[in-house]
């Protein structure tokens, strides 16, 4: 189901992409294989990285964080795109 979602979905663990569905790869113009192990910050516009890092830090600590916000992303070819980010904390391989 996640594989064929119309929504781009990825999981990062220790600041490395460990899962990305087909739609996520398509949005950012990478293959799924290229995304594996990539630092997710490379996919976020430099001016939006501080906000994204802060939201991630809060979420991992269990603190209040925006569940949804807009930020700019960067595709493989350097194009800036607007992304509506919806983030949730999940358990993956026994870790948040």
Protein backbone atom coordinates (compact mmCIF):
# COMPACT_ATOMS: atom_id res chain seq x y z
CA UNK A 1 0.00 0.00 0.00
CA UNK A 2 2.75 2.48 0.95
CA UNK A 3 4.75 1.54 -2.12
CA UNK A 4 2.01 2.74 -4.47
CA UNK A 5 0.74 5.70 -2.43
CA UNK A 6 0.12 8.96 -4.25
CA UNK A 7 1.88 10.64 -1.32
CA UNK A 8 5.66 10.66 -1.10
CA UNK A 9 6.72 8.77 2.02
CA UNK A 10 10.17 8.28 3.48
CA UNK A 11 11.72 7.14 6.74
CA UNK A 12 14.97 8.48 8.09
CA UNK A 13 16.93 6.83 10.85
CA UNK A 14 20.07 8.41 12.29
CA UNK A 15 19.69 11.16 9.68
CA UNK A 16 19.88 8.73 6.75
CA UNK A 17 17.05 7.74 4.42
CA UNK A 18 16.27 4.08 5.08
CA UNK A 19 13.01 3.87 3.12
CA UNK A 20 11.43 5.87 0.31
CA UNK A 21 8.40 4.92 -1.71
CA UNK A 22 8.09 5.32 -5.47
CA UNK A 23 6.23 8.63 -5.26
CA UNK A 24 8.85 10.19 -2.97
CA UNK A 25 11.60 9.21 -5.41
CA UNK A 26 9.57 10.58 -8.31
CA UNK A 27 8.98 13.94 -6.58
CA UNK A 28 12.68 14.45 -5.93
CA UNK A 29 13.78 12.91 -9.28
CA UNK A 30 16.01 10.26 -7.71
CA UNK A 31 15.81 6.52 -7.95
CA UNK A 32 14.87 4.78 -4.73
CA UNK A 33 18.33 3.24 -4.68
CA UNK A 34 19.98 6.67 -4.87
CA UNK A 35 17.96 7.87 -1.88
CA UNK A 36 19.00 5.02 0.41
CA UNK A 37 21.57 6.25 2.90
CA UNK A 38 21.24 9.86 1.77
CA UNK A 39 21.09 12.59 4.39
CA UNK A 40 17.55 13.97 4.13
CA UNK A 41 18.92 17.51 4.55
CA UNK A 42 20.19 17.31 0.97
CA UNK A 43 16.55 17.27 -0.12
CA UNK A 44 15.64 20.45 1.77
CA UNK A 45 16.34 23.99 0.61
CA UNK A 46 19.13 25.54 2.74
CA UNK A 47 16.85 28.34 3.95
CA UNK A 48 14.34 25.80 5.32
CA UNK A 49 16.76 23.39 6.98
CA UNK A 50 16.75 25.09 10.39
CA UNK A 51 12.95 24.87 10.63
CA UNK A 52 12.95 21.26 9.48
CA UNK A 53 15.72 20.29 11.90
CA UNK A 54 13.91 21.96 14.80
CA UNK A 55 10.65 20.16 14.00
CA UNK A 56 12.51 16.83 13.77
CA UNK A 57 14.32 17.40 17.07
CA UNK A 58 11.09 18.26 18.89
CA UNK A 59 9.22 15.33 17.40
CA UNK A 60 11.91 12.84 18.40
CA UNK A 61 11.87 14.20 21.96
CA UNK A 62 8.09 13.83 22.09
CA UNK A 63 7.62 17.61 22.29
CA UNK A 64 5.07 19.69 20.39
CA UNK A 65 6.02 20.10 16.75
CA UNK A 66 4.08 21.30 13.75
CA UNK A 67 2.39 18.22 12.29
CA UNK A 68 2.19 19.88 8.89
CA UNK A 69 4.06 22.77 7.27
CA UNK A 70 5.38 23.96 3.92
CA UNK A 71 9.06 23.93 3.09
CA UNK A 72 11.09 24.05 -0.07
CA UNK A 73 12.72 20.91 -1.36
CA UNK A 74 15.59 20.37 -3.79
CA UNK A 75 15.36 17.82 -6.58
CA UNK A 76 18.28 15.85 -7.97
CA UNK A 77 18.69 18.39 -10.77
CA UNK A 78 18.70 21.33 -8.33
CA UNK A 79 15.13 22.50 -8.93
CA UNK A 80 13.43 24.14 -5.94
CA UNK A 81 9.99 22.69 -5.24
CA UNK A 82 7.41 23.48 -2.56
CA UNK A 83 6.52 20.53 -0.37
CA UNK A 84 3.68 20.20 2.11
CA UNK A 85 5.45 18.21 4.83
CA UNK A 86 3.37 16.02 7.13
CA UNK A 87 5.61 14.41 9.68
CA UNK A 88 4.91 11.87 12.37
CA UNK A 89 7.09 10.03 14.80
CA UNK A 90 7.02 6.28 14.25
CA UNK A 91 8.82 3.27 15.63
CA UNK A 92 11.08 1.71 13.01
CA UNK A 93 13.14 -1.33 13.90
CA UNK A 94 12.41 -0.62 17.55
CA UNK A 95 13.60 2.99 17.42
CA UNK A 96 11.83 6.36 17.12
